[in-house]
Amino acid sequence: MADFDAQPGRAPQTDPSVAQREADEVDLRAGLAGVASLVAGARSAAHMVGAVAEFAAHALPGVDGVSIALLPTDDHTKIQTFAATADFVTEIDRIQYEKLHEGPCVTSMQSGRVTVSGSLGSDARWPRFGGAVARMAVHSALSLPLVVDDHVIGAINSYAFARDAFGDHAVEMGSRFAASAAVSVYNAQLLASARERTERLHRALGSRAVVDQAIGIIRSRTGVSADEAFDRLKRLSQADNTKLVAIAHQLVDEAVRRARARKGT
């Protein structure tokens, strides 16, 4: 029997037939192949994670809607929905993460274990969340932690309108999918982080270049040292309550306009 955090007191789900298992296996293999085919360099992180959610919705048995929630790399206390395949799932996650701060995904991320509920309205683990979601006619949940190097980076959250939609078989299939998906999602996060650092570096280099140009202009006009020119630039920034880089751009643009005017261009 699969090891997971099940709803206390809930009867085990009946195993699917051999034919159903074979059909589910085909769907799972197609989903795993889809995840494996994703090329991080050709997609944004949002597109990558969205594609993984769509593959999960087709690969996991009994699912009516899927979301992928991630822990931001700079804040491991705030869970954010990164992709969802249905509007009702987006609303469920909003209730879970923003309003009540309890639910199967929160539990799964905290424990690092698969978390299952077959009757959310009567699940004592999340009394407020379960009741709110049951009123939306959603009764089953399967949360699969995304784990990389023993660190939980997020979770795949599957929801179903039917009761007791996810048993041992669904846990087994979901766990296999999540193990592969975790790598793709993690790589997408790494790529997004690397792109952001590169963009910040480019902006910083560009800002430094224009500040150096402004310092040179001030020195050429006044004959002061580089440090004195930089101090003048800072005082202009403070006096105008404008960022130093913006003041530098203004000085450089003004110098260019004057040079063109002298040349009659």
C-alpha atoms as a PDB file:
ATOM      1  CA  MET A   1       0.000   0.000   0.000  1.00  0.00           C
ATOM      2  CA  ALA A   2       1.252   3.473  -0.845  1.00  0.00           C
ATOM      3  CA  ASP A   3       2.462   5.620   2.044  1.00  0.00           C
ATOM      4  CA  PHE A   4       0.606   8.939   2.246  1.00  0.00           C
ATOM      5  CA  ASP A   5      -1.188  11.267   4.606  1.00  0.00           C
ATOM      6  CA  ALA A   6      -4.768  10.021   4.301  1.00  0.00           C
ATOM      7  CA  GLN A   7      -7.956  11.421   5.771  1.00  0.00           C
ATOM      8  CA  PRO A   8      -8.444   9.857   9.221  1.00  0.00           C
ATOM      9  CA  GLY A   9     -11.295   7.381   9.413  1.00  0.00           C
ATOM     10  CA  ARG A  10     -11.907   7.307   5.672  1.00  0.00           C
ATOM     11  CA  ALA A  11     -12.433   3.859   4.109  1.00  0.00           C
ATOM     12  CA  PRO A  12      -9.834   2.829   1.509  1.00  0.00           C
ATOM     13  CA  GLN A  13     -10.842   3.310  -2.107  1.00  0.00           C
ATOM     14  CA  THR A  14     -11.552   0.224  -4.207  1.00  0.00           C
ATOM     15  CA  ASP A  15      -8.694  -0.676  -6.553  1.00  0.00           C
ATOM     16  CA  PRO A  16      -9.365   0.006 -10.249  1.00  0.00           C
ATOM     17  CA  SER A  17      -9.749  -2.803 -12.738  1.00  0.00           C
ATOM     18  CA  VAL A  18      -6.859  -4.137 -14.755  1.00  0.00           C
ATOM     19  CA  ALA A  19      -8.183  -2.390 -17.860  1.00  0.00           C
ATOM     20  CA  GLN A  20      -8.450   0.922 -16.002  1.00  0.00           C
ATOM     21  CA  ARG A  21      -4.920   0.531 -14.665  1.00  0.00           C
ATOM     22  CA  GLU A  22      -3.605  -0.059 -18.168  1.00  0.00           C
ATOM     23  CA  ALA A  23      -5.454   2.988 -19.494  1.00  0.00           C
ATOM     24  CA  ASP A  24      -4.137   5.115 -16.626  1.00  0.00           C
ATOM     25  CA  GLU A  25      -0.625   3.866 -17.304  1.00  0.00           C
ATOM     26  CA  VAL A  26      -0.892   4.994 -20.928  1.00  0.00           C
ATOM     27  CA  ASP A  27      -2.039   8.458 -19.811  1.00  0.00           C
ATOM     28  CA  LEU A  28       0.752   8.687 -17.261  1.00  0.00           C
ATOM     29  CA  ARG A  29       3.434   7.719 -19.775  1.00  0.00           C
ATOM     30  CA  ALA A  30       2.112  10.339 -22.181  1.00  0.00           C
ATOM     31  CA  GLY A  31       2.255  12.942 -19.424  1.00  0.00           C
ATOM     32  CA  LEU A  32       5.781  11.962 -18.410  1.00  0.00           C
ATOM     33  CA  ALA A  33       6.897  12.086 -22.038  1.00  0.00           C
ATOM     34  CA  GLY A  34       5.370  15.546 -22.348  1.00  0.00           C
ATOM     35  CA  VAL A  35       7.153  16.826 -19.263  1.00  0.00           C
ATOM     36  CA  ALA A  36      10.436  15.313 -20.425  1.00  0.00           C
ATOM     37  CA  SER A  37      10.088  17.027 -23.809  1.00  0.00           C
ATOM     38  CA  LEU A  38       9.781  20.521 -22.358  1.00  0.00           C
ATOM     39  CA  VAL A  39      12.752  22.690 -23.252  1.00  0.00           C
ATOM     40  CA  ALA A  40      13.344  25.323 -20.591  1.00  0.00           C
ATOM     41  CA  GLY A  41      15.348  27.616 -22.846  1.00  0.00           C
ATOM     42  CA  ALA A  42      12.471  28.014 -25.283  1.00  0.00           C
ATOM     43  CA  ARG A  43       9.839  28.959 -22.695  1.00  0.00           C
ATOM     44  CA  SER A  44       9.349  31.330 -19.796  1.00  0.00           C
ATOM     45  CA  ALA A  45       9.009  29.848 -16.316  1.00  0.00           C
ATOM     46  CA  ALA A  46       5.271  30.592 -16.371  1.00  0.00           C
ATOM     47  CA  HIS A  47       4.810  28.708 -19.646  1.00  0.00           C
ATOM     48  CA  MET A  48       6.873  25.790 -18.408  1.00  0.00           C
ATOM     49  CA  VAL A  49       4.919  25.385 -15.184  1.00  0.00           C
ATOM     50  CA  GLY A  50       1.626  25.904 -16.998  1.00  0.00           C
ATOM     51  CA  ALA A  51       2.511  23.096 -19.399  1.00  0.00           C
ATOM     52  CA  VAL A  52       3.378  20.788 -16.491  1.00  0.00           C
ATOM     53  CA  ALA A  53      -0.029  21.519 -14.926  1.00  0.00           C
ATOM     54  CA  GLU A  54      -1.807  20.650 -18.186  1.00  0.00           C
ATOM     55  CA  PHE A  55       0.125  17.393 -18.500  1.00  0.00           C
ATOM     56  CA  ALA A  56      -0.768  16.547 -14.887  1.00  0.00           C
ATOM     57  CA  ALA A  57      -4.465  17.160 -15.527  1.00  0.00           C
ATOM     58  CA  HIS A  58      -4.407  14.542 -18.293  1.00  0.00           C
ATOM     59  CA  ALA A  59      -1.986  12.097 -16.665  1.00  0.00           C
ATOM     60  CA  LEU A  60      -3.503  11.706 -13.196  1.00  0.00           C
ATOM     61  CA  PRO A  61      -6.647   9.560 -12.776  1.00  0.00           C
ATOM     62  CA  GLY A  62      -9.867  11.046 -11.440  1.00  0.00           C
ATOM     63  CA  VAL A  63      -8.782  14.683 -11.732  1.00  0.00           C
ATOM     64  CA  ASP A  64     -11.148  17.560 -12.590  1.00  0.00           C
ATOM     65  CA  GLY A  65      -8.651  20.386 -12.088  1.00  0.00           C
ATOM     66  CA  VAL A  66      -4.977  20.880 -11.247  1.00  0.00           C
ATOM     67  CA  SER A  67      -2.805  23.657  -9.912  1.00  0.00           C
ATOM     68  CA  ILE A  68       0.895  23.972  -9.268  1.00  0.00           C
ATOM     69  CA  ALA A  69       1.900  26.019  -6.250  1.00  0.00           C
ATOM     70  CA  LEU A  70       5.476  27.061  -5.611  1.00  0.00           C
ATOM     71  CA  LEU A  71       7.505  28.462  -2.769  1.00  0.00           C
ATOM     72  CA  PRO A  72       9.329  31.576  -4.025  1.00  0.00           C
ATOM     73  CA  THR A  73      13.094  31.148  -3.893  1.00  0.00           C
ATOM     74  CA  ASP A  74      13.414  34.289  -1.750  1.00  0.00           C
ATOM     75  CA  ASP A  75      10.530  33.530   0.652  1.00  0.00           C
ATOM     76  CA  HIS A  76       9.891  29.948   1.733  1.00  0.00           C
ATOM     77  CA  THR A  77       6.884  30.899   3.858  1.00  0.00           C
ATOM     78  CA  LYS A  78       4.611  32.289   1.144  1.00  0.00           C
ATOM     79  CA  ILE A  79       2.889  29.781  -1.142  1.00  0.00           C
ATOM     80  CA  GLN A  80       1.810  31.078  -4.552  1.00  0.00           C
ATOM     81  CA  THR A  81      -0.306  29.455  -7.246  1.00  0.00           C
ATOM     82  CA  PHE A  82       1.847  29.467 -10.353  1.00  0.00           C
ATOM     83  CA  ALA A  83      -0.501  27.706 -12.769  1.00  0.00           C
ATOM     84  CA  ALA A  84      -4.041  26.318 -12.736  1.00  0.00           C
ATOM     85  CA  THR A  85      -6.076  24.402 -15.313  1.00  0.00           C
ATOM     86  CA  ALA A  86      -9.523  25.592 -14.167  1.00  0.00           C
ATOM     87  CA  ASP A  87     -11.042  28.679 -12.571  1.00  0.00           C
ATOM     88  CA  PHE A  88     -12.502  26.737  -9.653  1.00  0.00           C
ATOM     89  CA  VAL A  89      -8.992  25.526  -8.780  1.00  0.00           C
ATOM     90  CA  THR A  90      -7.679  29.091  -8.755  1.00  0.00           C
ATOM     91  CA  GLU A  91     -10.439  30.032  -6.312  1.00  0.00           C
ATOM     92  CA  ILE A  92      -9.722  27.024  -4.088  1.00  0.00           C
ATOM     93  CA  ASP A  93      -6.049  27.929  -3.892  1.00  0.00           C
ATOM     94  CA  ARG A  94      -6.888  31.565  -3.151  1.00  0.00           C
ATOM     95  CA  ILE A  95      -8.974  30.379  -0.184  1.00  0.00           C
ATOM     96  CA  GLN A  96      -6.192  28.043   0.931  1.00  0.00           C
ATOM     97  CA  TYR A  97      -3.152  30.327   0.648  1.00  0.00           C
ATOM     98  CA  GLU A  98      -4.491  33.843   1.049  1.00  0.00           C
ATOM     99  CA  LYS A  99      -7.598  33.573   3.214  1.00  0.00           C
ATOM    100  CA  LEU A 100      -7.376  30.559   5.536  1.00  0.00           C
ATOM    101  CA  HIS A 101      -3.751  29.366   5.356  1.00  0.00           C
ATOM    102  CA  GLU A 102      -4.806  25.748   5.764  1.00  0.00           C
ATOM    103  CA  GLY A 103      -5.500  22.902   3.373  1.00  0.00           C
ATOM    104  CA  PRO A 104      -3.997  19.833   1.706  1.00  0.00           C
ATOM    105  CA  CYS A 105      -1.288  21.724  -0.169  1.00  0.00           C
ATOM    106  CA  VAL A 106      -0.141  23.580   2.940  1.00  0.00           C
ATOM    107  CA  THR A 107       0.018  20.275   4.832  1.00  0.00           C
ATOM    108  CA  SER A 108       1.816  18.520   1.967  1.00  0.00           C
ATOM    109  CA  MET A 109       4.465  21.212   1.680  1.00  0.00           C
ATOM    110  CA  GLN A 110       5.035  21.227   5.427  1.00  0.00           C
ATOM    111  CA  SER A 111       5.333  17.443   5.726  1.00  0.00           C
ATOM    112  CA  GLY A 112       6.883  16.645   2.349  1.00  0.00           C
ATOM    113  CA  ARG A 113       4.341  13.805   1.997  1.00  0.00           C
ATOM    114  CA  VAL A 114       1.472  13.159  -0.383  1.00  0.00           C
ATOM    115  CA  THR A 115      -1.761  14.355   1.212  1.00  0.00           C
ATOM    116  CA  VAL A 116      -5.186  12.944   0.323  1.00  0.00           C
ATOM    117  CA  SER A 117      -8.766  13.740   1.262  1.00  0.00           C
ATOM    118  CA  GLY A 118     -11.885  11.983   0.002  1.00  0.00           C
ATOM    119  CA  SER A 119     -14.477  14.129   1.778  1.00  0.00           C
ATOM    120  CA  LEU A 120     -13.179  17.648   2.310  1.00  0.00           C
ATOM    121  CA  GLY A 121     -16.350  18.810   4.053  1.00  0.00           C
ATOM    122  CA  SER A 122     -15.805  16.339   6.903  1.00  0.00           C
ATOM    123  CA  ASP A 123     -12.001  16.397   7.023  1.00  0.00           C
ATOM    124  CA  ALA A 124     -11.032  17.442  10.562  1.00  0.00           C
ATOM    125  CA  ARG A 125      -7.515  18.433   9.465  1.00  0.00           C
ATOM    126  CA  TRP A 126      -8.787  21.604   7.765  1.00  0.00           C
ATOM    127  CA  PRO A 127     -12.246  22.403   9.165  1.00  0.00           C
ATOM    128  CA  ARG A 128     -12.531  25.886   7.664  1.00  0.00           C
ATOM    129  CA  PHE A 129     -10.980  25.058   4.284  1.00  0.00           C
ATOM    130  CA  GLY A 130     -12.843  21.770   3.892  1.00  0.00           C
ATOM    131  CA  GLY A 131     -16.229  23.341   4.496  1.00  0.00           C
ATOM    132  CA  ALA A 132     -15.579  26.213   2.113  1.00  0.00           C
ATOM    133  CA  VAL A 133     -14.450  23.906  -0.701  1.00  0.00           C
ATOM    134  CA  ALA A 134     -17.251  21.375  -0.134  1.00  0.00           C
ATOM    135  CA  ARG A 135     -19.744  24.192  -0.680  1.00  0.00           C
ATOM    136  CA  MET A 136     -18.174  24.532  -4.136  1.00  0.00           C
ATOM    137  CA  ALA A 137     -19.087  20.837  -4.727  1.00  0.00           C
ATOM    138  CA  VAL A 138     -15.411  19.820  -4.653  1.00  0.00           C
ATOM    139  CA  HIS A 139     -14.957  16.817  -2.370  1.00  0.00           C
ATOM    140  CA  SER A 140     -11.577  15.182  -3.098  1.00  0.00           C
ATOM    141  CA  ALA A 141      -8.018  16.510  -3.053  1.00  0.00           C
ATOM    142  CA  LEU A 142      -4.628  15.012  -3.840  1.00  0.00           C
ATOM    143  CA  SER A 143      -1.550  17.132  -3.094  1.00  0.00           C
ATOM    144  CA  LEU A 144       1.792  15.874  -4.373  1.00  0.00           C
ATOM    145  CA  PRO A 145       4.925  17.594  -3.036  1.00  0.00           C
ATOM    146  CA  LEU A 146       7.558  18.609  -5.565  1.00  0.00           C
ATOM    147  CA  VAL A 147      10.839  17.553  -3.984  1.00  0.00           C
ATOM    148  CA  VAL A 148      14.365  18.240  -5.257  1.00  0.00           C
ATOM    149  CA  ASP A 149      17.385  17.149  -3.201  1.00  0.00           C
ATOM    150  CA  ASP A 150      15.150  16.592  -0.159  1.00  0.00           C
ATOM    151  CA  HIS A 151      13.811  20.169  -0.394  1.00  0.00           C
ATOM    152  CA  VAL A 152      10.139  20.851  -1.085  1.00  0.00           C
ATOM    153  CA  ILE A 153       9.891  23.512  -3.794  1.00  0.00           C
ATOM    154  CA  GLY A 154       6.136  23.331  -4.369  1.00  0.00           C
ATOM    155  CA  ALA A 155       3.254  20.940  -4.945  1.00  0.00           C
ATOM    156  CA  ILE A 156       0.895  19.638  -7.594  1.00  0.00           C
ATOM    157  CA  ASN A 157      -2.668  19.964  -6.328  1.00  0.00           C
ATOM    158  CA  SER A 158      -5.380  17.826  -7.892  1.00  0.00           C
ATOM    159  CA  TYR A 159      -9.076  18.280  -7.135  1.00  0.00           C
ATOM    160  CA  ALA A 160     -12.155  16.241  -8.009  1.00  0.00           C
ATOM    161  CA  PHE A 161     -15.887  16.792  -7.651  1.00  0.00           C
ATOM    162  CA  ALA A 162     -16.441  13.126  -6.748  1.00  0.00           C
ATOM    163  CA  ARG A 163     -15.900  11.766  -3.251  1.00  0.00           C
ATOM    164  CA  ASP A 164     -13.019   9.372  -2.622  1.00  0.00           C
ATOM    165  CA  ALA A 165     -11.553  10.075  -6.066  1.00  0.00           C
ATOM    166  CA  PHE A 166      -7.942   9.386  -5.043  1.00  0.00           C
ATOM    167  CA  GLY A 167      -6.736   6.159  -3.485  1.00  0.00           C
ATOM    168  CA  ASP A 168      -3.537   4.112  -3.496  1.00  0.00           C
ATOM    169  CA  HIS A 169      -3.537   3.834  -7.271  1.00  0.00           C
ATOM    170  CA  ALA A 170      -3.844   7.599  -7.781  1.00  0.00           C
ATOM    171  CA  VAL A 171      -1.141   8.226  -5.188  1.00  0.00           C
ATOM    172  CA  GLU A 172       1.215   5.832  -6.948  1.00  0.00           C
ATOM    173  CA  MET A 173       0.596   7.393 -10.362  1.00  0.00           C
ATOM    174  CA  GLY A 174       0.765  10.912  -8.991  1.00  0.00           C
ATOM    175  CA  SER A 175       3.998  10.292  -7.129  1.00  0.00           C
ATOM    176  CA  ARG A 176       5.672   9.023 -10.286  1.00  0.00           C
ATOM    177  CA  PHE A 177       4.521  12.067 -12.208  1.00  0.00           C
ATOM    178  CA  ALA A 178       5.557  14.504  -9.453  1.00  0.00           C
ATOM    179  CA  ALA A 179       9.085  13.077  -9.266  1.00  0.00           C
ATOM    180  CA  SER A 180       9.666  13.904 -12.934  1.00  0.00           C
ATOM    181  CA  ALA A 181       7.745  17.186 -12.852  1.00  0.00           C
ATOM    182  CA  ALA A 182       9.774  18.461  -9.893  1.00  0.00           C
ATOM    183  CA  VAL A 183      12.942  18.462 -11.996  1.00  0.00           C
ATOM    184  CA  SER A 184      11.314  20.409 -14.834  1.00  0.00           C
ATOM    185  CA  VAL A 185       9.762  22.949 -12.470  1.00  0.00           C
ATOM    186  CA  TYR A 186      13.040  23.373 -10.585  1.00  0.00           C
ATOM    187  CA  ASN A 187      14.957  23.921 -13.821  1.00  0.00           C
ATOM    188  CA  ALA A 188      12.390  26.518 -14.869  1.00  0.00           C
ATOM    189  CA  GLN A 189      12.914  28.326 -11.560  1.00  0.00           C
ATOM    190  CA  LEU A 190      16.694  28.243 -12.002  1.00  0.00           C
ATOM    191  CA  LEU A 191      16.410  29.600 -15.530  1.00  0.00           C
ATOM    192  CA  ALA A 192      14.075  32.400 -14.439  1.00  0.00           C
ATOM    193  CA  SER A 193      16.430  33.316 -11.606  1.00  0.00           C
ATOM    194  CA  ALA A 194      19.452  33.323 -13.931  1.00  0.00           C
ATOM    195  CA  ARG A 195      17.640  35.518 -16.444  1.00  0.00           C
ATOM    196  CA  GLU A 196      16.647  37.958 -13.711  1.00  0.00           C
ATOM    197  CA  ARG A 197      20.238  38.186 -12.435  1.00  0.00           C
ATOM    198  CA  THR A 198      21.493  38.765 -15.974  1.00  0.00           C
ATOM    199  CA  GLU A 199      18.961  41.525 -16.564  1.00  0.00           C
ATOM    200  CA  ARG A 200      19.872  43.188 -13.265  1.00  0.00           C
ATOM    201  CA  LEU A 201      23.551  43.018 -14.205  1.00  0.00           C
ATOM    202  CA  HIS A 202      22.892  44.578 -17.604  1.00  0.00           C
ATOM    203  CA  ARG A 203      20.871  47.353 -16.002  1.00  0.00           C
ATOM    204  CA  ALA A 204      23.588  47.934 -13.428  1.00  0.00           C
ATOM    205  CA  LEU A 205      26.305  48.085 -16.090  1.00  0.00           C
ATOM    206  CA  GLY A 206      24.242  50.475 -18.176  1.00  0.00           C
ATOM    207  CA  SER A 207      23.563  52.673 -15.160  1.00  0.00           C
ATOM    208  CA  ARG A 208      27.241  52.738 -14.210  1.00  0.00           C
ATOM    209  CA  ALA A 209      28.192  53.727 -17.748  1.00  0.00           C
ATOM    210  CA  VAL A 210      25.836  56.723 -17.880  1.00  0.00           C
ATOM    211  CA  VAL A 211      26.889  57.843 -14.375  1.00  0.00           C
ATOM    212  CA  ASP A 212      30.542  57.740 -15.470  1.00  0.00           C
ATOM    213  CA  GLN A 213      29.647  59.793 -18.553  1.00  0.00           C
ATOM    214  CA  ALA A 214      27.856  62.380 -16.385  1.00  0.00           C
ATOM    215  CA  ILE A 215      30.854  62.587 -14.059  1.00  0.00           C
ATOM    216  CA  GLY A 216      33.089  63.215 -17.079  1.00  0.00           C
ATOM    217  CA  ILE A 217      30.793  66.007 -18.288  1.00  0.00           C
ATOM    218  CA  ILE A 218      30.822  67.708 -14.876  1.00  0.00           C
ATOM    219  CA  ARG A 219      34.615  67.440 -14.702  1.00  0.00           C
ATOM    220  CA  SER A 220      35.047  68.896 -18.182  1.00  0.00           C
ATOM    221  CA  ARG A 221      32.857  71.875 -17.266  1.00  0.00           C
ATOM    222  CA  THR A 222      34.227  72.560 -13.793  1.00  0.00           C
ATOM    223  CA  GLY A 223      37.686  71.039 -13.576  1.00  0.00           C
ATOM    224  CA  VAL A 224      36.854  69.204 -10.336  1.00  0.00           C
ATOM    225  CA  SER A 225      38.018  65.708  -9.409  1.00  0.00           C
ATOM    226  CA  ALA A 226      35.990  62.583 -10.101  1.00  0.00           C
ATOM    227  CA  ASP A 227      34.950  62.303  -6.445  1.00  0.00           C
ATOM    228  CA  GLU A 228      33.852  65.929  -6.369  1.00  0.00           C
ATOM    229  CA  ALA A 229      31.918  65.493  -9.596  1.00  0.00           C
ATOM    230  CA  PHE A 230      30.156  62.465  -8.161  1.00  0.00           C
ATOM    231  CA  ASP A 231      29.277  64.429  -5.004  1.00  0.00           C
ATOM    232  CA  ARG A 232      27.751  67.169  -7.180  1.00  0.00           C
ATOM    233  CA  LEU A 233      25.735  64.554  -9.034  1.00  0.00           C
ATOM    234  CA  LYS A 234      24.417  63.178  -5.735  1.00  0.00           C
ATOM    235  CA  ARG A 235      23.474  66.664  -4.518  1.00  0.00           C
ATOM    236  CA  LEU A 236      21.556  67.306  -7.754  1.00  0.00           C
ATOM    237  CA  SER A 237      19.752  63.994  -7.273  1.00  0.00           C
ATOM    238  CA  GLN A 238      18.781  64.846  -3.693  1.00  0.00           C
ATOM    239  CA  ALA A 239      17.734  68.409  -4.548  1.00  0.00           C
ATOM    240  CA  ASP A 240      15.451  67.254  -7.358  1.00  0.00           C
ATOM    241  CA  ASN A 241      14.315  64.150  -5.446  1.00  0.00           C
ATOM    242  CA  THR A 242      15.229  62.180  -8.565  1.00  0.00           C
ATOM    243  CA  LYS A 243      17.242  58.996  -8.888  1.00  0.00           C
ATOM    244  CA  LEU A 244      20.926  59.566  -9.518  1.00  0.00           C
ATOM    245  CA  VAL A 245      20.818  57.546 -12.750  1.00  0.00           C
ATOM    246  CA  ALA A 246      17.972  59.720 -14.070  1.00  0.00           C
ATOM    247  CA  ILE A 247      19.960  62.894 -13.297  1.00  0.00           C
ATOM    248  CA  ALA A 248      22.957  61.380 -15.084  1.00  0.00           C
ATOM    249  CA  HIS A 249      20.806  60.622 -18.143  1.00  0.00           C
ATOM    250  CA  GLN A 250      19.559  64.213 -18.158  1.00  0.00           C
ATOM    251  CA  LEU A 251      23.111  65.611 -18.078  1.00  0.00           C
ATOM    252  CA  VAL A 252      24.295  63.316 -20.851  1.00  0.00           C
ATOM    253  CA  ASP A 253      21.241  64.050 -23.043  1.00  0.00           C
ATOM    254  CA  GLU A 254      21.724  67.780 -22.498  1.00  0.00           C
ATOM    255  CA  ALA A 255      25.388  67.543 -23.476  1.00  0.00           C
ATOM    256  CA  VAL A 256      24.460  65.635 -26.645  1.00  0.00           C
ATOM    257  CA  ARG A 257      21.844  68.244 -27.592  1.00  0.00           C
ATOM    258  CA  ARG A 258      24.337  71.048 -27.114  1.00  0.00           C
ATOM    259  CA  ALA A 259      26.966  69.270 -29.203  1.00  0.00           C
ATOM    260  CA  ARG A 260      24.499  68.721 -32.043  1.00  0.00           C
ATOM    261  CA  ALA A 261      23.363  72.351 -31.846  1.00  0.00           C
ATOM    262  CA  ARG A 262      26.962  73.551 -32.211  1.00  0.00           C
ATOM    263  CA  LYS A 263      27.386  71.356 -35.253  1.00  0.00           C
ATOM    264  CA  GLY A 264      24.068  72.490 -36.692  1.00  0.00           C
ATOM    265  CA  THR A 265      22.640  68.955 -36.831  1.00  0.00           C
END
